[in-house]
Amino acid sequence: MQQVRLSDVEERVYQAVATLEARGQVPYPDLIAQESGLPQDAIHAPLHMLTEKNLLHREDSPMAGLDFGPRWCARQMA
């Protein structure tokens, strides 16, 4: 199996998403930024790169009428 190379920032963002999910929290961008220790505007590019690498996927708000913004969910690394 091929290893996916991540930058330090991508690794921090991925770990933040996985940690939030493990705690049962919804990984919204503001929580991802807080957990990763990065400013919120610095996590957008890593989130998109991780999505392109098929490590995260974006889900829109599941409740009709309530939109807290997109949430990002980790795919398990094998």
PDB file of N, CA and C in Angstrom:
ATOM      1  N   MET A   1       0.841  -1.184   0.000  1.00  0.00           N
ATOM      2  CA  MET A   1       0.000   0.000   0.000  1.00  0.00           C
ATOM      3  C   MET A   1       0.880   1.240   0.000  1.00  0.00           C
ATOM      4  N   GLN A   2       0.455   2.226  -0.740  1.00  0.00           N
ATOM      5  CA  GLN A   2       1.231   3.457  -0.882  1.00  0.00           C
ATOM      6  C   GLN A   2       0.957   4.403   0.282  1.00  0.00           C
ATOM      7  N   GLN A   3       2.023   4.961   0.844  1.00  0.00           N
ATOM      8  CA  GLN A   3       1.905   5.955   1.907  1.00  0.00           C
ATOM      9  C   GLN A   3       1.554   7.302   1.290  1.00  0.00           C
ATOM     10  N   VAL A   4       0.687   8.032   1.952  1.00  0.00           N
ATOM     11  CA  VAL A   4       0.340   9.381   1.517  1.00  0.00           C
ATOM     12  C   VAL A   4       1.224  10.345   2.294  1.00  0.00           C
ATOM     13  N   ARG A   5       1.926  11.206   1.570  1.00  0.00           N
ATOM     14  CA  ARG A   5       2.806  12.191   2.210  1.00  0.00           C
ATOM     15  C   ARG A   5       1.987  13.418   2.585  1.00  0.00           C
ATOM     16  N   LEU A   6       2.112  13.833   3.838  1.00  0.00           N
ATOM     17  CA  LEU A   6       1.409  15.014   4.314  1.00  0.00           C
ATOM     18  C   LEU A   6       2.401  16.057   4.782  1.00  0.00           C
ATOM     19  N   SER A   7       2.068  17.308   4.541  1.00  0.00           N
ATOM     20  CA  SER A   7       2.877  18.396   5.105  1.00  0.00           C
ATOM     21  C   SER A   7       2.586  18.455   6.604  1.00  0.00           C
ATOM     22  N   ASP A   8       3.404  19.196   7.342  1.00  0.00           N
ATOM     23  CA  ASP A   8       3.185  19.333   8.785  1.00  0.00           C
ATOM     24  C   ASP A   8       1.806  19.917   9.081  1.00  0.00           C
ATOM     25  N   VAL A   9       1.405  20.915   8.312  1.00  0.00           N
ATOM     26  CA  VAL A   9       0.101  21.554   8.530  1.00  0.00           C
ATOM     27  C   VAL A   9      -1.028  20.577   8.207  1.00  0.00           C
ATOM     28  N   GLU A  10      -0.901  19.827   7.114  1.00  0.00           N
ATOM     29  CA  GLU A  10      -1.917  18.833   6.768  1.00  0.00           C
ATOM     30  C   GLU A  10      -2.037  17.784   7.871  1.00  0.00           C
ATOM     31  N   GLU A  11      -0.920  17.350   8.401  1.00  0.00           N
ATOM     32  CA  GLU A  11      -0.923  16.366   9.482  1.00  0.00           C
ATOM     33  C   GLU A  11      -1.636  16.923  10.716  1.00  0.00           C
ATOM     34  N   ARG A  12      -1.349  18.178  11.064  1.00  0.00           N
ATOM     35  CA  ARG A  12      -1.996  18.803  12.227  1.00  0.00           C
ATOM     36  C   ARG A  12      -3.496  18.907  12.032  1.00  0.00           C
ATOM     37  N   VAL A  13      -3.924  19.280  10.836  1.00  0.00           N
ATOM     38  CA  VAL A  13      -5.350  19.422  10.550  1.00  0.00           C
ATOM     39  C   VAL A  13      -6.023  18.051  10.568  1.00  0.00           C
ATOM     40  N   TYR A  14      -5.402  17.048   9.952  1.00  0.00           N
ATOM     41  CA  TYR A  14      -5.980  15.695   9.945  1.00  0.00           C
ATOM     42  C   TYR A  14      -6.110  15.167  11.377  1.00  0.00           C
ATOM     43  N   GLN A  15      -5.072  15.332  12.159  1.00  0.00           N
ATOM     44  CA  GLN A  15      -5.116  14.857  13.550  1.00  0.00           C
ATOM     45  C   GLN A  15      -6.185  15.595  14.349  1.00  0.00           C
ATOM     46  N   ALA A  16      -6.350  16.883  14.092  1.00  0.00           N
ATOM     47  CA  ALA A  16      -7.386  17.658  14.783  1.00  0.00           C
ATOM     48  C   ALA A  16      -8.771  17.096  14.458  1.00  0.00           C
ATOM     49  N   VAL A  17      -9.034  16.813  13.184  1.00  0.00           N
ATOM     50  CA  VAL A  17     -10.329  16.248  12.783  1.00  0.00           C
ATOM     51  C   VAL A  17     -10.535  14.896  13.454  1.00  0.00           C
ATOM     52  N   ALA A  18      -9.528  14.037  13.401  1.00  0.00           N
ATOM     53  CA  ALA A  18      -9.648  12.703  14.000  1.00  0.00           C
ATOM     54  C   ALA A  18      -9.862  12.790  15.514  1.00  0.00           C
ATOM     55  N   THR A  19      -9.180  13.706  16.171  1.00  0.00           N
ATOM     56  CA  THR A  19      -9.328  13.876  17.619  1.00  0.00           C
ATOM     57  C   THR A  19     -10.733  14.352  17.965  1.00  0.00           C
ATOM     58  N   LEU A  20     -11.234  15.331  17.221  1.00  0.00           N
ATOM     59  CA  LEU A  20     -12.591  15.824  17.465  1.00  0.00           C
ATOM     60  C   LEU A  20     -13.621  14.702  17.279  1.00  0.00           C
ATOM     61  N   GLU A  21     -13.465  13.921  16.220  1.00  0.00           N
ATOM     62  CA  GLU A  21     -14.395  12.818  15.986  1.00  0.00           C
ATOM     63  C   GLU A  21     -14.314  11.783  17.100  1.00  0.00           C
ATOM     64  N   ALA A  22     -13.105  11.490  17.572  1.00  0.00           N
ATOM     65  CA  ALA A  22     -12.934  10.509  18.642  1.00  0.00           C
ATOM     66  C   ALA A  22     -13.629  10.963  19.932  1.00  0.00           C
ATOM     67  N   ARG A  23     -13.682  12.266  20.147  1.00  0.00           N
ATOM     68  CA  ARG A  23     -14.365  12.826  21.318  1.00  0.00           C
ATOM     69  C   ARG A  23     -15.869  12.940  21.123  1.00  0.00           C
ATOM     70  N   GLY A  24     -16.345  12.667  19.926  1.00  0.00           N
ATOM     71  CA  GLY A  24     -17.757  12.786  19.637  1.00  0.00           C
ATOM     72  C   GLY A  24     -18.181  14.203  19.291  1.00  0.00           C
ATOM     73  N   GLN A  25     -17.207  15.063  18.986  1.00  0.00           N
ATOM     74  CA  GLN A  25     -17.509  16.436  18.596  1.00  0.00           C
ATOM     75  C   GLN A  25     -17.592  16.519  17.075  1.00  0.00           C
ATOM     76  N   VAL A  26     -18.383  17.454  16.586  1.00  0.00           N
ATOM     77  CA  VAL A  26     -18.521  17.645  15.144  1.00  0.00           C
ATOM     78  C   VAL A  26     -17.368  18.522  14.663  1.00  0.00           C
ATOM     79  N   PRO A  27     -16.594  18.038  13.690  1.00  0.00           N
ATOM     80  CA  PRO A  27     -15.425  18.793  13.220  1.00  0.00           C
ATOM     81  C   PRO A  27     -15.767  19.944  12.277  1.00  0.00           C
ATOM     82  N   TYR A  28     -16.322  21.001  12.842  1.00  0.00           N
ATOM     83  CA  TYR A  28     -16.552  22.224  12.087  1.00  0.00           C
ATOM     84  C   TYR A  28     -15.246  22.999  12.003  1.00  0.00           C
ATOM     85  N   PRO A  29     -15.091  23.864  10.994  1.00  0.00           N
ATOM     86  CA  PRO A  29     -13.820  24.579  10.810  1.00  0.00           C
ATOM     87  C   PRO A  29     -13.312  25.323  12.051  1.00  0.00           C
ATOM     88  N   ASP A  30     -14.197  25.966  12.812  1.00  0.00           N
ATOM     89  CA  ASP A  30     -13.722  26.701  13.987  1.00  0.00           C
ATOM     90  C   ASP A  30     -13.132  25.767  15.036  1.00  0.00           C
ATOM     91  N   LEU A  31     -13.732  24.596  15.219  1.00  0.00           N
ATOM     92  CA  LEU A  31     -13.185  23.631  16.175  1.00  0.00           C
ATOM     93  C   LEU A  31     -11.893  22.997  15.660  1.00  0.00           C
ATOM     94  N   ILE A  32     -11.828  22.761  14.356  1.00  0.00           N
ATOM     95  CA  ILE A  32     -10.600  22.209  13.769  1.00  0.00           C
ATOM     96  C   ILE A  32      -9.447  23.192  13.982  1.00  0.00           C
ATOM     97  N   ALA A  33      -9.718  24.472  13.742  1.00  0.00           N
ATOM     98  CA  ALA A  33      -8.683  25.493  13.941  1.00  0.00           C
ATOM     99  C   ALA A  33      -8.237  25.528  15.394  1.00  0.00           C
ATOM    100  N   GLN A  34      -9.194  25.500  16.305  1.00  0.00           N
ATOM    101  CA  GLN A  34      -8.865  25.532  17.729  1.00  0.00           C
ATOM    102  C   GLN A  34      -8.051  24.306  18.134  1.00  0.00           C
ATOM    103  N   GLU A  35      -8.464  23.128  17.699  1.00  0.00           N
ATOM    104  CA  GLU A  35      -7.781  21.884  18.064  1.00  0.00           C
ATOM    105  C   GLU A  35      -6.378  21.816  17.464  1.00  0.00           C
ATOM    106  N   SER A  36      -6.221  22.322  16.243  1.00  0.00           N
ATOM    107  CA  SER A  36      -4.919  22.250  15.569  1.00  0.00           C
ATOM    108  C   SER A  36      -3.969  23.356  16.021  1.00  0.00           C
ATOM    109  N   GLY A  37      -4.520  24.393  16.665  1.00  0.00           N
ATOM    110  CA  GLY A  37      -3.695  25.522  17.081  1.00  0.00           C
ATOM    111  C   GLY A  37      -3.362  26.468  15.940  1.00  0.00           C
ATOM    112  N   LEU A  38      -4.115  26.371  14.857  1.00  0.00           N
ATOM    113  CA  LEU A  38      -3.890  27.219  13.689  1.00  0.00           C
ATOM    114  C   LEU A  38      -5.009  28.245  13.577  1.00  0.00           C
ATOM    115  N   PRO A  39      -4.742  29.403  12.965  1.00  0.00           N
ATOM    116  CA  PRO A  39      -5.827  30.349  12.722  1.00  0.00           C
ATOM    117  C   PRO A  39      -6.831  29.743  11.728  1.00  0.00           C
ATOM    118  N   GLN A  40      -8.095  30.109  11.872  1.00  0.00           N
ATOM    119  CA  GLN A  40      -9.134  29.509  11.031  1.00  0.00           C
ATOM    120  C   GLN A  40      -8.868  29.714   9.542  1.00  0.00           C
ATOM    121  N   ASP A  41      -8.325  30.875   9.160  1.00  0.00           N
ATOM    122  CA  ASP A  41      -8.069  31.099   7.732  1.00  0.00           C
ATOM    123  C   ASP A  41      -6.899  30.265   7.211  1.00  0.00           C
ATOM    124  N   ALA A  42      -6.104  29.664   8.103  1.00  0.00           N
ATOM    125  CA  ALA A  42      -4.967  28.845   7.678  1.00  0.00           C
ATOM    126  C   ALA A  42      -5.329  27.382   7.473  1.00  0.00           C
ATOM    127  N   ILE A  43      -6.549  26.991   7.818  1.00  0.00           N
ATOM    128  CA  ILE A  43      -6.894  25.566   7.684  1.00  0.00           C
ATOM    129  C   ILE A  43      -7.641  25.242   6.396  1.00  0.00           C
ATOM    130  N   HIS A  44      -8.099  26.250   5.667  1.00  0.00           N
ATOM    131  CA  HIS A  44      -8.896  25.984   4.463  1.00  0.00           C
ATOM    132  C   HIS A  44      -8.104  25.236   3.401  1.00  0.00           C
ATOM    133  N   ALA A  45      -6.901  25.681   3.098  1.00  0.00           N
ATOM    134  CA  ALA A  45      -6.090  24.987   2.075  1.00  0.00           C
ATOM    135  C   ALA A  45      -5.763  23.553   2.496  1.00  0.00           C
ATOM    136  N   PRO A  46      -5.309  23.319   3.741  1.00  0.00           N
ATOM    137  CA  PRO A  46      -5.054  21.924   4.136  1.00  0.00           C
ATOM    138  C   PRO A  46      -6.316  21.049   4.084  1.00  0.00           C
ATOM    139  N   LEU A  47      -7.475  21.599   4.456  1.00  0.00           N
ATOM    140  CA  LEU A  47      -8.711  20.809   4.376  1.00  0.00           C
ATOM    141  C   LEU A  47      -8.969  20.368   2.939  1.00  0.00           C
ATOM    142  N   HIS A  48      -8.776  21.271   1.991  1.00  0.00           N
ATOM    143  CA  HIS A  48      -9.014  20.915   0.593  1.00  0.00           C
ATOM    144  C   HIS A  48      -7.961  19.936   0.070  1.00  0.00           C
ATOM    145  N   MET A  49      -6.717  20.108   0.487  1.00  0.00           N
ATOM    146  CA  MET A  49      -5.665  19.171   0.064  1.00  0.00           C
ATOM    147  C   MET A  49      -5.929  17.768   0.631  1.00  0.00           C
ATOM    148  N   LEU A  50      -6.363  17.705   1.886  1.00  0.00           N
ATOM    149  CA  LEU A  50      -6.668  16.409   2.494  1.00  0.00           C
ATOM    150  C   LEU A  50      -7.873  15.755   1.815  1.00  0.00           C
ATOM    151  N   THR A  51      -8.803  16.555   1.349  1.00  0.00           N
ATOM    152  CA  THR A  51      -9.948  16.026   0.604  1.00  0.00           C
ATOM    153  C   THR A  51      -9.481  15.461  -0.731  1.00  0.00           C
ATOM    154  N   GLU A  52      -8.585  16.192  -1.416  1.00  0.00           N
ATOM    155  CA  GLU A  52      -8.044  15.701  -2.689  1.00  0.00           C
ATOM    156  C   GLU A  52      -7.258  14.407  -2.503  1.00  0.00           C
ATOM    157  N   LYS A  53      -6.614  14.267  -1.363  1.00  0.00           N
ATOM    158  CA  LYS A  53      -5.842  13.045  -1.072  1.00  0.00           C
ATOM    159  C   LYS A  53      -6.735  11.933  -0.521  1.00  0.00           C
ATOM    160  N   ASN A  54      -8.054  12.202  -0.481  1.00  0.00           N
ATOM    161  CA  ASN A  54      -9.054  11.231  -0.045  1.00  0.00           C
ATOM    162  C   ASN A  54      -8.894  10.831   1.425  1.00  0.00           C
ATOM    163  N   LEU A  55      -8.428  11.771   2.254  1.00  0.00           N
ATOM    164  CA  LEU A  55      -8.298  11.507   3.682  1.00  0.00           C
ATOM    165  C   LEU A  55      -9.422  12.151   4.490  1.00  0.00           C
ATOM    166  N   LEU A  56     -10.037  13.171   3.938  1.00  0.00           N
ATOM    167  CA  LEU A  56     -11.192  13.811   4.555  1.00  0.00           C
ATOM    168  C   LEU A  56     -12.297  13.900   3.526  1.00  0.00           C
ATOM    169  N   HIS A  57     -13.515  14.006   4.012  1.00  0.00           N
ATOM    170  CA  HIS A  57     -14.617  14.334   3.114  1.00  0.00           C
ATOM    171  C   HIS A  57     -15.492  15.370   3.794  1.00  0.00           C
ATOM    172  N   ARG A  58     -16.083  16.196   2.986  1.00  0.00           N
ATOM    173  CA  ARG A  58     -16.911  17.300   3.466  1.00  0.00           C
ATOM    174  C   ARG A  58     -18.360  16.854   3.500  1.00  0.00           C
ATOM    175  N   GLU A  59     -19.038  17.190   4.577  1.00  0.00           N
ATOM    176  CA  GLU A  59     -20.471  16.949   4.684  1.00  0.00           C
ATOM    177  C   GLU A  59     -21.136  18.265   5.011  1.00  0.00           C
ATOM    178  N   ASP A  60     -22.233  18.543   4.339  1.00  0.00           N
ATOM    179  CA  ASP A  60     -22.991  19.746   4.660  1.00  0.00           C
ATOM    180  C   ASP A  60     -23.887  19.437   5.855  1.00  0.00           C
ATOM    181  N   SER A  61     -24.397  20.463   6.455  1.00  0.00           N
ATOM    182  CA  SER A  61     -25.214  20.324   7.652  1.00  0.00           C
ATOM    183  C   SER A  61     -26.348  19.320   7.424  1.00  0.00           C
ATOM    184  N   PRO A  62     -26.481  18.329   8.301  1.00  0.00           N
ATOM    185  CA  PRO A  62     -27.490  17.284   8.092  1.00  0.00           C
ATOM    186  C   PRO A  62     -28.907  17.702   8.481  1.00  0.00           C
ATOM    187  N   MET A  63     -29.042  18.814   9.191  1.00  0.00           N
ATOM    188  CA  MET A  63     -30.366  19.230   9.642  1.00  0.00           C
ATOM    189  C   MET A  63     -30.904  20.353   8.764  1.00  0.00           C
ATOM    190  N   ALA A  64     -32.057  20.130   8.184  1.00  0.00           N
ATOM    191  CA  ALA A  64     -32.674  21.145   7.333  1.00  0.00           C
ATOM    192  C   ALA A  64     -32.957  22.402   8.148  1.00  0.00           C
ATOM    193  N   GLY A  65     -32.607  23.532   7.588  1.00  0.00           N
ATOM    194  CA  GLY A  65     -32.864  24.795   8.264  1.00  0.00           C
ATOM    195  C   GLY A  65     -31.790  25.215   9.244  1.00  0.00           C
ATOM    196  N   LEU A  66     -30.926  24.309   9.629  1.00  0.00           N
ATOM    197  CA  LEU A  66     -29.829  24.639  10.537  1.00  0.00           C
ATOM    198  C   LEU A  66     -28.521  24.457   9.782  1.00  0.00           C
ATOM    199  N   ASP A  67     -27.851  25.528   9.510  1.00  0.00           N
ATOM    200  CA  ASP A  67     -26.596  25.429   8.780  1.00  0.00           C
ATOM    201  C   ASP A  67     -25.485  26.024   9.613  1.00  0.00           C
ATOM    202  N   PHE A  68     -24.668  25.161  10.160  1.00  0.00           N
ATOM    203  CA  PHE A  68     -23.509  25.592  10.936  1.00  0.00           C
ATOM    204  C   PHE A  68     -22.259  25.598  10.075  1.00  0.00           C
ATOM    205  N   GLY A  69     -22.438  25.440   8.771  1.00  0.00           N
ATOM    206  CA  GLY A  69     -21.305  25.361   7.869  1.00  0.00           C
ATOM    207  C   GLY A  69     -20.920  23.920   7.630  1.00  0.00           C
ATOM    208  N   PRO A  70     -19.964  23.708   6.749  1.00  0.00           N
ATOM    209  CA  PRO A  70     -19.569  22.336   6.438  1.00  0.00           C
ATOM    210  C   PRO A  70     -18.831  21.707   7.605  1.00  0.00           C
ATOM    211  N   ARG A  71     -18.918  20.422   7.688  1.00  0.00           N
ATOM    212  CA  ARG A  71     -18.100  19.685   8.655  1.00  0.00           C
ATOM    213  C   ARG A  71     -17.204  18.762   7.857  1.00  0.00           C
ATOM    214  N   TRP A  72     -16.107  18.433   8.423  1.00  0.00           N
ATOM    215  CA  TRP A  72     -15.094  17.634   7.730  1.00  0.00           C
ATOM    216  C   TRP A  72     -14.912  16.334   8.500  1.00  0.00           C
ATOM    217  N   CYS A  73     -14.984  15.218   7.824  1.00  0.00           N
ATOM    218  CA  CYS A  73     -14.901  13.924   8.466  1.00  0.00           C
ATOM    219  C   CYS A  73     -13.692  13.156   7.949  1.00  0.00           C
ATOM    220  N   ALA A  74     -12.980  12.528   8.863  1.00  0.00           N
ATOM    221  CA  ALA A  74     -11.770  11.794   8.500  1.00  0.00           C
ATOM    222  C   ALA A  74     -12.119  10.433   7.923  1.00  0.00           C
ATOM    223  N   ARG A  75     -11.368  10.042   6.936  1.00  0.00           N
ATOM    224  CA  ARG A  75     -11.427   8.673   6.433  1.00  0.00           C
ATOM    225  C   ARG A  75     -10.290   7.945   7.134  1.00  0.00           C
ATOM    226  N   GLN A  76     -10.523   6.727   7.495  1.00  0.00           N
ATOM    227  CA  GLN A  76      -9.510   5.964   8.224  1.00  0.00           C
ATOM    228  C   GLN A  76      -8.317   5.650   7.334  1.00  0.00           C
ATOM    229  N   MET A  77      -7.124   5.930   7.856  1.00  0.00           N
ATOM    230  CA  MET A  77      -5.908   5.562   7.119  1.00  0.00           C
ATOM    231  C   MET A  77      -5.646   4.094   7.396  1.00  0.00           C
ATOM    232  N   ALA A  78      -5.430   3.342   6.335  1.00  0.00           N
ATOM    233  CA  ALA A  78      -5.191   1.903   6.490  1.00  0.00           C
ATOM    234  C   ALA A  78      -3.731   1.641   6.820  1.00  0.00           C
TER     235      ALA A  78
END
